[in-house]
Amino acid sequence: KNTDQTASELLITSGTVSVQLTSISRKLGVSGRAALV
């Protein structure tokens, strides 16, 4: 899923998805969506 699809399915904003991904990146210590997964 891309940002907009994720936001739509979770009933949150695209901005919230982006903020969550940034936080996940910090927590996991990696960047890039493929590396996060």
PDB file of all heavy atoms in Angstrom:
ATOM      1  N   LYS A   1       0.841  -1.200   0.000  1.00  0.00           N
ATOM      2  CA  LYS A   1       0.000   0.000   0.000  1.00  0.00           C
ATOM      3  C   LYS A   1       0.873   1.246   0.000  1.00  0.00           C
ATOM      4  O   LYS A   1       1.921   1.282   0.645  1.00  0.00           O
ATOM      5  CB  LYS A   1      -0.920   0.030   1.232  1.00  0.00           C
ATOM      6  CG  LYS A   1      -1.780  -1.208   1.411  1.00  0.00           C
ATOM      7  CD  LYS A   1      -2.762  -1.368   0.294  1.00  0.00           C
ATOM      8  CE  LYS A   1      -3.611  -2.612   0.514  1.00  0.00           C
ATOM      9  NZ  LYS A   1      -4.518  -2.867  -0.551  1.00  0.00           N
ATOM     10  N   ASN A   2       0.431   2.285  -0.703  1.00  0.00           N
ATOM     11  CA  ASN A   2       1.155   3.549  -0.659  1.00  0.00           C
ATOM     12  C   ASN A   2       0.604   4.396   0.489  1.00  0.00           C
ATOM     13  O   ASN A   2      -0.293   3.960   1.222  1.00  0.00           O
ATOM     14  CB  ASN A   2       1.078   4.275  -2.016  1.00  0.00           C
ATOM     15  CG  ASN A   2      -0.335   4.689  -2.384  1.00  0.00           C
ATOM     16  OD1 ASN A   2      -1.183   4.965  -1.538  1.00  0.00           O
ATOM     17  ND2 ASN A   2      -0.606   4.723  -3.683  1.00  0.00           N
ATOM     18  N   THR A   3       1.115   5.583   0.640  1.00  0.00           N
ATOM     19  CA  THR A   3       0.717   6.444   1.758  1.00  0.00           C
ATOM     20  C   THR A   3      -0.780   6.716   1.752  1.00  0.00           C
ATOM     21  O   THR A   3      -1.450   6.571   2.782  1.00  0.00           O
ATOM     22  CB  THR A   3       1.502   7.770   1.715  1.00  0.00           C
ATOM     23  OG1 THR A   3       2.895   7.478   1.815  1.00  0.00           O
ATOM     24  CG2 THR A   3       1.097   8.703   2.841  1.00  0.00           C
ATOM     25  N   ASP A   4      -1.319   7.109   0.606  1.00  0.00           N
ATOM     26  CA  ASP A   4      -2.746   7.447   0.535  1.00  0.00           C
ATOM     27  C   ASP A   4      -3.627   6.224   0.786  1.00  0.00           C
ATOM     28  O   ASP A   4      -4.643   6.322   1.477  1.00  0.00           O
ATOM     29  CB  ASP A   4      -3.090   8.081  -0.816  1.00  0.00           C
ATOM     30  CG  ASP A   4      -2.493   9.475  -0.965  1.00  0.00           C
ATOM     31  OD1 ASP A   4      -2.215  10.128   0.059  1.00  0.00           O
ATOM     32  OD2 ASP A   4      -2.305   9.909  -2.117  1.00  0.00           O
ATOM     33  N   GLN A   5      -3.272   5.083   0.229  1.00  0.00           N
ATOM     34  CA  GLN A   5      -4.048   3.855   0.449  1.00  0.00           C
ATOM     35  C   GLN A   5      -4.013   3.452   1.926  1.00  0.00           C
ATOM     36  O   GLN A   5      -5.036   3.069   2.496  1.00  0.00           O
ATOM     37  CB  GLN A   5      -3.492   2.708  -0.402  1.00  0.00           C
ATOM     38  CG  GLN A   5      -3.708   2.890  -1.880  1.00  0.00           C
ATOM     39  CD  GLN A   5      -2.876   1.919  -2.699  1.00  0.00           C
ATOM     40  OE1 GLN A   5      -1.759   1.552  -2.324  1.00  0.00           O
ATOM     41  NE2 GLN A   5      -3.421   1.492  -3.843  1.00  0.00           N
ATOM     42  N   THR A   6      -2.848   3.554   2.526  1.00  0.00           N
ATOM     43  CA  THR A   6      -2.695   3.219   3.947  1.00  0.00           C
ATOM     44  C   THR A   6      -3.554   4.137   4.794  1.00  0.00           C
ATOM     45  O   THR A   6      -4.288   3.682   5.679  1.00  0.00           O
ATOM     46  CB  THR A   6      -1.210   3.308   4.371  1.00  0.00           C
ATOM     47  OG1 THR A   6      -0.457   2.369   3.602  1.00  0.00           O
ATOM     48  CG2 THR A   6      -1.031   3.024   5.844  1.00  0.00           C
ATOM     49  N   ALA A   7      -3.485   5.421   4.515  1.00  0.00           N
ATOM     50  CA  ALA A   7      -4.271   6.399   5.268  1.00  0.00           C
ATOM     51  C   ALA A   7      -5.764   6.111   5.125  1.00  0.00           C
ATOM     52  O   ALA A   7      -6.499   6.097   6.116  1.00  0.00           O
ATOM     53  CB  ALA A   7      -3.957   7.810   4.778  1.00  0.00           C
ATOM     54  N   SER A   8      -6.198   5.870   3.910  1.00  0.00           N
ATOM     55  CA  SER A   8      -7.610   5.608   3.658  1.00  0.00           C
ATOM     56  C   SER A   8      -8.094   4.358   4.387  1.00  0.00           C
ATOM     57  O   SER A   8      -9.152   4.361   5.028  1.00  0.00           O
ATOM     58  CB  SER A   8      -7.833   5.462   2.150  1.00  0.00           C
ATOM     59  OG  SER A   8      -9.166   5.129   1.870  1.00  0.00           O
ATOM     60  N   GLU A   9      -7.310   3.286   4.302  1.00  0.00           N
ATOM     61  CA  GLU A   9      -7.716   2.025   4.934  1.00  0.00           C
ATOM     62  C   GLU A   9      -7.702   2.101   6.459  1.00  0.00           C
ATOM     63  O   GLU A   9      -8.484   1.428   7.122  1.00  0.00           O
ATOM     64  CB  GLU A   9      -6.832   0.886   4.453  1.00  0.00           C
ATOM     65  CG  GLU A   9      -7.108   0.525   3.007  1.00  0.00           C
ATOM     66  CD  GLU A   9      -6.307  -0.670   2.516  1.00  0.00           C
ATOM     67  OE1 GLU A   9      -5.806  -1.455   3.341  1.00  0.00           O
ATOM     68  OE2 GLU A   9      -6.193  -0.812   1.276  1.00  0.00           O
ATOM     69  N   LEU A  10      -6.809   2.925   7.009  1.00  0.00           N
ATOM     70  CA  LEU A  10      -6.719   3.041   8.472  1.00  0.00           C
ATOM     71  C   LEU A  10      -7.515   4.221   9.020  1.00  0.00           C
ATOM     72  O   LEU A  10      -7.507   4.467  10.227  1.00  0.00           O
ATOM     73  CB  LEU A  10      -5.248   3.153   8.895  1.00  0.00           C
ATOM     74  CG  LEU A  10      -4.383   1.929   8.609  1.00  0.00           C
ATOM     75  CD1 LEU A  10      -2.934   2.196   8.997  1.00  0.00           C
ATOM     76  CD2 LEU A  10      -4.920   0.694   9.334  1.00  0.00           C
ATOM     77  N   LEU A  11      -8.156   4.962   8.110  1.00  0.00           N
ATOM     78  CA  LEU A  11      -8.961   6.122   8.488  1.00  0.00           C
ATOM     79  C   LEU A  11      -8.144   7.159   9.246  1.00  0.00           C
ATOM     80  O   LEU A  11      -8.554   7.694  10.283  1.00  0.00           O
ATOM     81  CB  LEU A  11     -10.186   5.700   9.312  1.00  0.00           C
ATOM     82  CG  LEU A  11     -11.113   4.680   8.638  1.00  0.00           C
ATOM     83  CD1 LEU A  11     -12.210   4.238   9.586  1.00  0.00           C
ATOM     84  CD2 LEU A  11     -11.689   5.237   7.350  1.00  0.00           C
ATOM     85  N   ILE A  12      -6.951   7.431   8.704  1.00  0.00           N
ATOM     86  CA  ILE A  12      -6.083   8.479   9.239  1.00  0.00           C
ATOM     87  C   ILE A  12      -5.637   9.344   8.065  1.00  0.00           C
ATOM     88  O   ILE A  12      -5.942   9.037   6.914  1.00  0.00           O
ATOM     89  CB  ILE A  12      -4.858   7.882   9.981  1.00  0.00           C
ATOM     90  CG1 ILE A  12      -4.042   6.962   9.060  1.00  0.00           C
ATOM     91  CG2 ILE A  12      -5.295   7.139  11.240  1.00  0.00           C
ATOM     92  CD1 ILE A  12      -2.788   6.361   9.691  1.00  0.00           C
ATOM     93  N   THR A  13      -4.915  10.412   8.339  1.00  0.00           N
ATOM     94  CA  THR A  13      -4.459  11.278   7.254  1.00  0.00           C
ATOM     95  C   THR A  13      -3.142  10.776   6.677  1.00  0.00           C
ATOM     96  O   THR A  13      -2.402  10.029   7.331  1.00  0.00           O
ATOM     97  CB  THR A  13      -4.248  12.727   7.750  1.00  0.00           C
ATOM     98  OG1 THR A  13      -3.133  12.742   8.659  1.00  0.00           O
ATOM     99  CG2 THR A  13      -5.502  13.273   8.417  1.00  0.00           C
ATOM    100  N   SER A  14      -2.843  11.205   5.473  1.00  0.00           N
ATOM    101  CA  SER A  14      -1.567  10.875   4.841  1.00  0.00           C
ATOM    102  C   SER A  14      -0.412  11.426   5.668  1.00  0.00           C
ATOM    103  O   SER A  14       0.647  10.797   5.770  1.00  0.00           O
ATOM    104  CB  SER A  14      -1.503  11.440   3.422  1.00  0.00           C
ATOM    105  OG  SER A  14      -2.482  10.831   2.618  1.00  0.00           O
ATOM    106  N   GLY A  15      -0.624  12.594   6.252  1.00  0.00           N
ATOM    107  CA  GLY A  15       0.403  13.192   7.109  1.00  0.00           C
ATOM    108  C   GLY A  15       0.705  12.317   8.310  1.00  0.00           C
ATOM    109  O   GLY A  15       1.864  12.182   8.715  1.00  0.00           O
ATOM    110  N   THR A  16      -0.337  11.710   8.876  1.00  0.00           N
ATOM    111  CA  THR A  16      -0.137  10.822  10.024  1.00  0.00           C
ATOM    112  C   THR A  16       0.665   9.594   9.611  1.00  0.00           C
ATOM    113  O   THR A  16       1.552   9.145  10.338  1.00  0.00           O
ATOM    114  CB  THR A  16      -1.495  10.409  10.633  1.00  0.00           C
ATOM    115  OG1 THR A  16      -2.164  11.585  11.079  1.00  0.00           O
ATOM    116  CG2 THR A  16      -1.315   9.444  11.788  1.00  0.00           C
ATOM    117  N   VAL A  17       0.384   9.063   8.433  1.00  0.00           N
ATOM    118  CA  VAL A  17       1.158   7.918   7.926  1.00  0.00           C
ATOM    119  C   VAL A  17       2.629   8.317   7.814  1.00  0.00           C
ATOM    120  O   VAL A  17       3.520   7.588   8.272  1.00  0.00           O
ATOM    121  CB  VAL A  17       0.616   7.425   6.564  1.00  0.00           C
ATOM    122  CG1 VAL A  17       1.559   6.395   5.940  1.00  0.00           C
ATOM    123  CG2 VAL A  17      -0.781   6.854   6.720  1.00  0.00           C
ATOM    124  N   SER A  18       2.899   9.476   7.250  1.00  0.00           N
ATOM    125  CA  SER A  18       4.281   9.933   7.079  1.00  0.00           C
ATOM    126  C   SER A  18       4.982  10.127   8.417  1.00  0.00           C
ATOM    127  O   SER A  18       6.142   9.732   8.582  1.00  0.00           O
ATOM    128  CB  SER A  18       4.310  11.237   6.287  1.00  0.00           C
ATOM    129  OG  SER A  18       3.826  11.012   4.983  1.00  0.00           O
ATOM    130  N   VAL A  19       4.273  10.697   9.378  1.00  0.00           N
ATOM    131  CA  VAL A  19       4.845  10.890  10.717  1.00  0.00           C
ATOM    132  C   VAL A  19       5.141   9.538  11.361  1.00  0.00           C
ATOM    133  O   VAL A  19       6.202   9.339  11.972  1.00  0.00           O
ATOM    134  CB  VAL A  19       3.905  11.739  11.600  1.00  0.00           C
ATOM    135  CG1 VAL A  19       4.311  11.693  13.061  1.00  0.00           C
ATOM    136  CG2 VAL A  19       3.877  13.177  11.107  1.00  0.00           C
ATOM    137  N   GLN A  20       4.219   8.591  11.209  1.00  0.00           N
ATOM    138  CA  GLN A  20       4.423   7.256  11.777  1.00  0.00           C
ATOM    139  C   GLN A  20       5.650   6.586  11.141  1.00  0.00           C
ATOM    140  O   GLN A  20       6.457   5.956  11.839  1.00  0.00           O
ATOM    141  CB  GLN A  20       3.187   6.373  11.572  1.00  0.00           C
ATOM    142  CG  GLN A  20       1.979   6.808  12.370  1.00  0.00           C
ATOM    143  CD  GLN A  20       2.089   6.474  13.853  1.00  0.00           C
ATOM    144  OE1 GLN A  20       3.164   6.304  14.405  1.00  0.00           O
ATOM    145  NE2 GLN A  20       0.947   6.384  14.506  1.00  0.00           N
ATOM    146  N   LEU A  21       5.783   6.704   9.830  1.00  0.00           N
ATOM    147  CA  LEU A  21       6.923   6.087   9.146  1.00  0.00           C
ATOM    148  C   LEU A  21       8.251   6.712   9.589  1.00  0.00           C
ATOM    149  O   LEU A  21       9.253   5.999   9.750  1.00  0.00           O
ATOM    150  CB  LEU A  21       6.759   6.173   7.629  1.00  0.00           C
ATOM    151  CG  LEU A  21       5.662   5.277   7.053  1.00  0.00           C
ATOM    152  CD1 LEU A  21       5.424   5.600   5.579  1.00  0.00           C
ATOM    153  CD2 LEU A  21       5.995   3.807   7.234  1.00  0.00           C
ATOM    154  N   THR A  22       8.253   8.016   9.818  1.00  0.00           N
ATOM    155  CA  THR A  22       9.460   8.681  10.321  1.00  0.00           C
ATOM    156  C   THR A  22       9.814   8.166  11.709  1.00  0.00           C
ATOM    157  O   THR A  22      10.981   7.876  11.999  1.00  0.00           O
ATOM    158  CB  THR A  22       9.250  10.213  10.347  1.00  0.00           C
ATOM    159  OG1 THR A  22       9.001  10.664   9.016  1.00  0.00           O
ATOM    160  CG2 THR A  22      10.461  10.936  10.922  1.00  0.00           C
ATOM    161  N   SER A  23       8.810   8.016  12.538  1.00  0.00           N
ATOM    162  CA  SER A  23       9.032   7.498  13.891  1.00  0.00           C
ATOM    163  C   SER A  23       9.516   6.047  13.859  1.00  0.00           C
ATOM    164  O   SER A  23      10.421   5.657  14.603  1.00  0.00           O
ATOM    165  CB  SER A  23       7.742   7.617  14.706  1.00  0.00           C
ATOM    166  OG  SER A  23       7.946   7.144  16.009  1.00  0.00           O
ATOM    167  N   ILE A  24       8.921   5.245  12.978  1.00  0.00           N
ATOM    168  CA  ILE A  24       9.331   3.845  12.817  1.00  0.00           C
ATOM    169  C   ILE A  24      10.797   3.794  12.377  1.00  0.00           C
ATOM    170  O   ILE A  24      11.577   2.987  12.884  1.00  0.00           O
ATOM    171  CB  ILE A  24       8.425   3.121  11.789  1.00  0.00           C
ATOM    172  CG1 ILE A  24       7.001   2.988  12.335  1.00  0.00           C
ATOM    173  CG2 ILE A  24       8.996   1.755  11.429  1.00  0.00           C
ATOM    174  CD1 ILE A  24       5.971   2.584  11.278  1.00  0.00           C
ATOM    175  N   SER A  25      11.165   4.656  11.455  1.00  0.00           N
ATOM    176  CA  SER A  25      12.537   4.709  10.961  1.00  0.00           C
ATOM    177  C   SER A  25      13.513   4.995  12.101  1.00  0.00           C
ATOM    178  O   SER A  25      14.556   4.345  12.217  1.00  0.00           O
ATOM    179  CB  SER A  25      12.649   5.784   9.883  1.00  0.00           C
ATOM    180  OG  SER A  25      13.944   5.840   9.368  1.00  0.00           O
ATOM    181  N   ARG A  26      13.162   5.937  12.954  1.00  0.00           N
ATOM    182  CA  ARG A  26      14.012   6.256  14.108  1.00  0.00           C
ATOM    183  C   ARG A  26      14.121   5.067  15.053  1.00  0.00           C
ATOM    184  O   ARG A  26      15.204   4.732  15.523  1.00  0.00           O
ATOM    185  CB  ARG A  26      13.464   7.467  14.860  1.00  0.00           C
ATOM    186  CG  ARG A  26      14.108   8.752  14.440  1.00  0.00           C
ATOM    187  CD  ARG A  26      13.751   9.912  15.334  1.00  0.00           C
ATOM    188  NE  ARG A  26      12.988  10.848  14.527  1.00  0.00           N
ATOM    189  CZ  ARG A  26      11.707  11.123  14.666  1.00  0.00           C
ATOM    190  NH1 ARG A  26      11.006  10.600  15.629  1.00  0.00           N
ATOM    191  NH2 ARG A  26      11.108  11.969  13.868  1.00  0.00           N
ATOM    192  N   LYS A  27      13.001   4.421  15.318  1.00  0.00           N
ATOM    193  CA  LYS A  27      12.992   3.297  16.253  1.00  0.00           C
ATOM    194  C   LYS A  27      13.774   2.099  15.733  1.00  0.00           C
ATOM    195  O   LYS A  27      14.464   1.427  16.492  1.00  0.00           O
ATOM    196  CB  LYS A  27      11.559   2.862  16.573  1.00  0.00           C
ATOM    197  CG  LYS A  27      10.858   3.774  17.551  1.00  0.00           C
ATOM    198  CD  LYS A  27       9.499   3.213  17.906  1.00  0.00           C
ATOM    199  CE  LYS A  27       8.835   4.018  19.005  1.00  0.00           C
ATOM    200  NZ  LYS A  27       7.552   3.407  19.399  1.00  0.00           N
ATOM    201  N   LEU A  28      13.660   1.826  14.438  1.00  0.00           N
ATOM    202  CA  LEU A  28      14.338   0.663  13.868  1.00  0.00           C
ATOM    203  C   LEU A  28      15.764   0.976  13.417  1.00  0.00           C
ATOM    204  O   LEU A  28      16.543   0.071  13.151  1.00  0.00           O
ATOM    205  CB  LEU A  28      13.528   0.077  12.705  1.00  0.00           C
ATOM    206  CG  LEU A  28      12.153  -0.484  13.072  1.00  0.00           C
ATOM    207  CD1 LEU A  28      11.456  -1.035  11.837  1.00  0.00           C
ATOM    208  CD2 LEU A  28      12.256  -1.550  14.149  1.00  0.00           C
ATOM    209  N   GLY A  29      16.069   2.258  13.297  1.00  0.00           N
ATOM    210  CA  GLY A  29      17.421   2.658  12.936  1.00  0.00           C
ATOM    211  C   GLY A  29      17.761   2.496  11.471  1.00  0.00           C
ATOM    212  O   GLY A  29      18.935   2.423  11.115  1.00  0.00           O
ATOM    213  N   VAL A  30      16.752   2.414  10.626  1.00  0.00           N
ATOM    214  CA  VAL A  30      16.968   2.284   9.181  1.00  0.00           C
ATOM    215  C   VAL A  30      16.069   3.265   8.452  1.00  0.00           C
ATOM    216  O   VAL A  30      15.099   3.778   9.022  1.00  0.00           O
ATOM    217  CB  VAL A  30      16.701   0.844   8.674  1.00  0.00           C
ATOM    218  CG1 VAL A  30      17.658  -0.134   9.316  1.00  0.00           C
ATOM    219  CG2 VAL A  30      15.277   0.416   8.909  1.00  0.00           C
ATOM    220  N   SER A  31      16.388   3.526   7.192  1.00  0.00           N
ATOM    221  CA  SER A  31      15.530   4.413   6.410  1.00  0.00           C
ATOM    222  C   SER A  31      15.144   3.738   5.106  1.00  0.00           C
ATOM    223  O   SER A  31      15.823   2.815   4.650  1.00  0.00           O
ATOM    224  CB  SER A  31      16.235   5.748   6.143  1.00  0.00           C
ATOM    225  OG  SER A  31      17.408   5.522   5.410  1.00  0.00           O
ATOM    226  N   GLY A  32      14.071   4.203   4.552  1.00  0.00           N
ATOM    227  CA  GLY A  32      13.534   3.621   3.332  1.00  0.00           C
ATOM    228  C   GLY A  32      12.484   2.581   3.680  1.00  0.00           C
ATOM    229  O   GLY A  32      12.686   1.761   4.579  1.00  0.00           O
ATOM    230  N   ARG A  33      11.390   2.621   2.985  1.00  0.00           N
ATOM    231  CA  ARG A  33      10.266   1.737   3.306  1.00  0.00           C
ATOM    232  C   ARG A  33      10.610   0.258   3.174  1.00  0.00           C
ATOM    233  O   ARG A  33      10.181  -0.555   3.982  1.00  0.00           O
ATOM    234  CB  ARG A  33       9.056   2.093   2.445  1.00  0.00           C
ATOM    235  CG  ARG A  33       8.486   3.450   2.821  1.00  0.00           C
ATOM    236  CD  ARG A  33       7.347   3.855   1.930  1.00  0.00           C
ATOM    237  NE  ARG A  33       6.930   5.214   2.275  1.00  0.00           N
ATOM    238  CZ  ARG A  33       5.701   5.648   2.217  1.00  0.00           C
ATOM    239  NH1 ARG A  33       4.733   4.851   1.784  1.00  0.00           N
ATOM    240  NH2 ARG A  33       5.401   6.870   2.552  1.00  0.00           N
ATOM    241  N   ALA A  34      11.371  -0.106   2.164  1.00  0.00           N
ATOM    242  CA  ALA A  34      11.741  -1.518   1.994  1.00  0.00           C
ATOM    243  C   ALA A  34      12.562  -1.989   3.192  1.00  0.00           C
ATOM    244  O   ALA A  34      12.323  -3.070   3.734  1.00  0.00           O
ATOM    245  CB  ALA A  34      12.517  -1.708   0.696  1.00  0.00           C
ATOM    246  N   ALA A  35      13.516  -1.182   3.631  1.00  0.00           N
ATOM    247  CA  ALA A  35      14.346  -1.539   4.785  1.00  0.00           C
ATOM    248  C   ALA A  35      13.527  -1.568   6.070  1.00  0.00           C
ATOM    249  O   ALA A  35      13.772  -2.410   6.945  1.00  0.00           O
ATOM    250  CB  ALA A  35      15.509  -0.562   4.924  1.00  0.00           C
ATOM    251  N   LEU A  36      12.548  -0.684   6.191  1.00  0.00           N
ATOM    252  CA  LEU A  36      11.667  -0.692   7.371  1.00  0.00           C
ATOM    253  C   LEU A  36      10.907  -2.009   7.459  1.00  0.00           C
ATOM    254  O   LEU A  36      10.815  -2.618   8.526  1.00  0.00           O
ATOM    255  CB  LEU A  36      10.675   0.470   7.325  1.00  0.00           C
ATOM    256  CG  LEU A  36      11.228   1.865   7.522  1.00  0.00           C
ATOM    257  CD1 LEU A  36      10.117   2.899   7.358  1.00  0.00           C
ATOM    258  CD2 LEU A  36      11.893   2.004   8.872  1.00  0.00           C
ATOM    259  N   VAL A  37      10.368  -2.430   6.330  1.00  0.00           N
ATOM    260  CA  VAL A  37       9.614  -3.688   6.293  1.00  0.00           C
ATOM    261  C   VAL A  37      10.539  -4.856   6.654  1.00  0.00           C
ATOM    262  O   VAL A  37      10.198  -5.692   7.489  1.00  0.00           O
ATOM    263  CB  VAL A  37       8.949  -3.892   4.906  1.00  0.00           C
ATOM    264  CG1 VAL A  37       8.403  -5.302   4.757  1.00  0.00           C
ATOM    265  CG2 VAL A  37       7.838  -2.858   4.700  1.00  0.00           C
TER     266      VAL A  37
END
